[in-house]
Amino acid sequence: MKRSDELGRAAVGGARCQIDTDPAGGFGWRLIAHNGRVVGVSASSFADSRTCARAFGEMCAQADKAAGGVHHGPGGDGWAWWLRMPDGTAVAASSRTYERYSTCRAALGRFVGLLGQFAALEKELADLKEPGEAK
């Protein structure tokens, strides 16, 4: 994703959510750990940054109800994880593949743990305004 300095970030405990534009011109979020590694990305693209921020906030608020899974990565190489809401909608995915199943499963657990920390920011994220829009 391409970084847009016009878009806000929310941070908690050294981790941060960054909303960027994707190659198709839509918006997606990525969750960056305190060490600078991207630990998860949005599973879909959004029409605008506000919708993207709301989706991230809703996912955080419902993290305890979400179900995750591990599957083979693209082309059968390595392992990747995904996270789905109770209605079956995929909301997040790993940003890379992992060599070991156990490492991938642990990464999913860490990702879900970070989401719980962001749940308190749900309202702030949902209230993000478009650049140039009145608050």
Protein backbone atom coordinates (compact mmCIF):
# COMPACT_ATOMS: atom_id res chain seq x y z
CA MET A 1 0.00 0.00 0.00
CA LYS A 2 1.08 3.53 -0.64
CA ARG A 3 1.48 5.76 2.43
CA SER A 4 -0.63 8.89 2.49
CA ASP A 5 0.49 11.52 4.98
CA GLU A 6 -2.97 13.07 4.82
CA LEU A 7 -4.53 10.08 6.56
CA GLY A 8 -4.59 9.73 10.31
CA ARG A 9 -3.20 6.99 12.46
CA ALA A 10 -4.37 5.63 15.75
CA ALA A 11 -1.84 4.16 18.16
CA VAL A 12 -1.94 2.16 21.35
CA GLY A 13 0.90 0.57 23.31
CA GLY A 14 3.42 1.24 20.57
CA ALA A 15 1.30 -0.47 17.90
CA ARG A 16 -0.54 1.59 15.33
CA CYS A 17 -3.19 1.32 12.67
CA GLN A 18 -2.25 3.00 9.41
CA ILE A 19 -4.76 3.69 6.64
CA ASP A 20 -3.29 3.91 3.17
CA THR A 21 -4.36 3.86 -0.45
CA ASP A 22 -4.04 0.60 -2.33
CA PRO A 23 -2.90 0.11 -5.95
CA ALA A 24 -6.52 0.12 -7.18
CA GLY A 25 -7.23 3.52 -5.59
CA GLY A 26 -9.21 2.19 -2.65
CA PHE A 27 -8.25 2.30 1.01
CA GLY A 28 -7.00 -0.38 3.35
CA TRP A 29 -5.61 -0.53 6.85
CA ARG A 30 -2.57 -2.26 8.23
CA LEU A 31 -1.71 -2.93 11.83
CA ILE A 32 1.93 -2.21 12.68
CA ALA A 33 3.50 -3.61 15.84
CA HIS A 34 5.75 -1.61 18.16
CA ASN A 35 8.80 -3.05 16.35
CA GLY A 36 7.65 -1.67 12.99
CA ARG A 37 6.49 -4.98 11.51
CA VAL A 38 3.16 -5.16 9.73
CA VAL A 39 1.23 -7.85 11.59
CA GLY A 40 -2.04 -7.81 9.65
CA VAL A 41 -3.86 -6.08 6.83
CA SER A 42 -7.46 -5.50 5.82
CA ALA A 43 -8.96 -8.38 3.85
CA SER A 44 -10.83 -6.01 1.55
CA SER A 45 -10.54 -2.56 0.02
CA PHE A 46 -12.76 0.37 1.02
CA ALA A 47 -14.11 3.31 -0.98
CA ASP A 48 -12.84 5.96 1.45
CA SER A 49 -10.69 6.34 4.54
CA ARG A 50 -13.67 6.92 6.86
CA THR A 51 -15.29 3.62 5.88
CA CYS A 52 -11.94 1.90 6.29
CA ALA A 53 -11.45 3.38 9.77
CA ARG A 54 -14.97 2.37 10.81
CA ALA A 55 -14.38 -1.18 9.61
CA PHE A 56 -11.17 -1.36 11.65
CA GLY A 57 -12.96 -0.03 14.74
CA GLU A 58 -15.82 -2.50 14.36
CA MET A 59 -13.38 -5.37 13.96
CA CYS A 60 -11.54 -4.32 17.13
CA ALA A 61 -14.78 -4.04 19.08
CA GLN A 62 -15.81 -7.55 18.02
CA ALA A 63 -12.39 -9.22 18.19
CA ASP A 64 -13.58 -11.56 20.94
CA LYS A 65 -16.30 -12.90 18.60
CA ALA A 66 -14.06 -13.34 15.56
CA ALA A 67 -12.73 -16.67 14.36
CA GLY A 68 -9.33 -17.11 12.80
CA GLY A 69 -7.82 -19.81 10.69
CA VAL A 70 -4.55 -20.83 9.12
CA HIS A 71 -4.23 -22.05 5.53
CA HIS A 72 -1.53 -22.63 2.93
CA GLY A 73 -0.17 -19.44 1.41
CA PRO A 74 -0.49 -18.50 -2.26
CA GLY A 75 0.87 -21.23 -4.49
CA GLY A 76 0.99 -23.61 -1.53
CA ASP A 77 4.10 -21.95 -0.11
CA GLY A 78 4.14 -21.39 3.63
CA TRP A 79 1.21 -20.59 5.88
CA ALA A 80 -1.07 -17.55 6.10
CA TRP A 81 -3.87 -16.63 8.50
CA TRP A 82 -7.23 -14.88 8.15
CA LEU A 83 -9.80 -13.54 10.59
CA ARG A 84 -13.58 -13.71 10.04
CA MET A 85 -16.50 -12.11 11.84
CA PRO A 86 -19.41 -14.29 13.08
CA ASP A 87 -21.30 -13.62 9.81
CA GLY A 88 -18.42 -15.17 7.84
CA THR A 89 -17.00 -11.94 6.46
CA ALA A 90 -13.21 -12.01 6.16
CA VAL A 91 -11.91 -8.83 7.79
CA ALA A 92 -8.16 -9.34 8.19
CA ALA A 93 -5.32 -11.39 6.78
CA SER A 94 -1.66 -11.94 7.46
CA SER A 95 0.64 -9.58 5.62
CA ARG A 96 3.05 -12.37 4.73
CA THR A 97 3.41 -16.12 4.73
CA TYR A 98 5.10 -18.06 7.51
CA GLU A 99 7.38 -21.05 7.11
CA ARG A 100 5.87 -22.93 10.05
CA TYR A 101 2.24 -23.56 10.92
CA SER A 102 2.90 -22.94 14.62
CA THR A 103 4.56 -19.57 13.92
CA CYS A 104 1.60 -18.51 11.79
CA ARG A 105 -0.87 -19.59 14.48
CA ALA A 106 1.09 -17.62 17.10
CA ALA A 107 1.10 -14.54 14.83
CA LEU A 108 -2.69 -14.76 14.56
CA GLY A 109 -2.93 -14.88 18.35
CA ARG A 110 -0.72 -11.80 18.72
CA PHE A 111 -2.80 -9.96 16.11
CA VAL A 112 -6.05 -10.69 17.94
CA GLY A 113 -4.41 -9.57 21.20
CA LEU A 114 -3.50 -6.24 19.63
CA LEU A 115 -7.07 -5.79 18.42
CA GLY A 116 -8.30 -5.99 21.99
CA GLN A 117 -6.02 -3.09 22.88
CA PHE A 118 -7.48 -1.03 20.05
CA ALA A 119 -11.10 -1.66 21.06
CA ALA A 120 -10.97 1.40 23.32
CA LEU A 121 -10.21 3.54 20.27
CA GLU A 122 -13.27 2.40 18.32
CA LYS A 123 -15.14 5.68 18.67
CA GLU A 124 -12.09 7.78 17.78
CA LEU A 125 -11.46 5.70 14.66
CA ALA A 126 -15.10 5.81 13.61
CA ASP A 127 -15.10 9.60 13.93
CA LEU A 128 -12.12 10.15 11.61
CA LYS A 129 -12.92 12.73 8.97
CA GLU A 130 -11.86 12.88 5.37
CA PRO A 131 -9.00 15.32 4.66
CA GLY A 132 -10.49 18.80 4.25
CA GLU A 133 -13.86 17.77 5.72
CA ALA A 134 -15.32 19.84 8.58
CA LYS A 135 -15.21 18.17 11.98
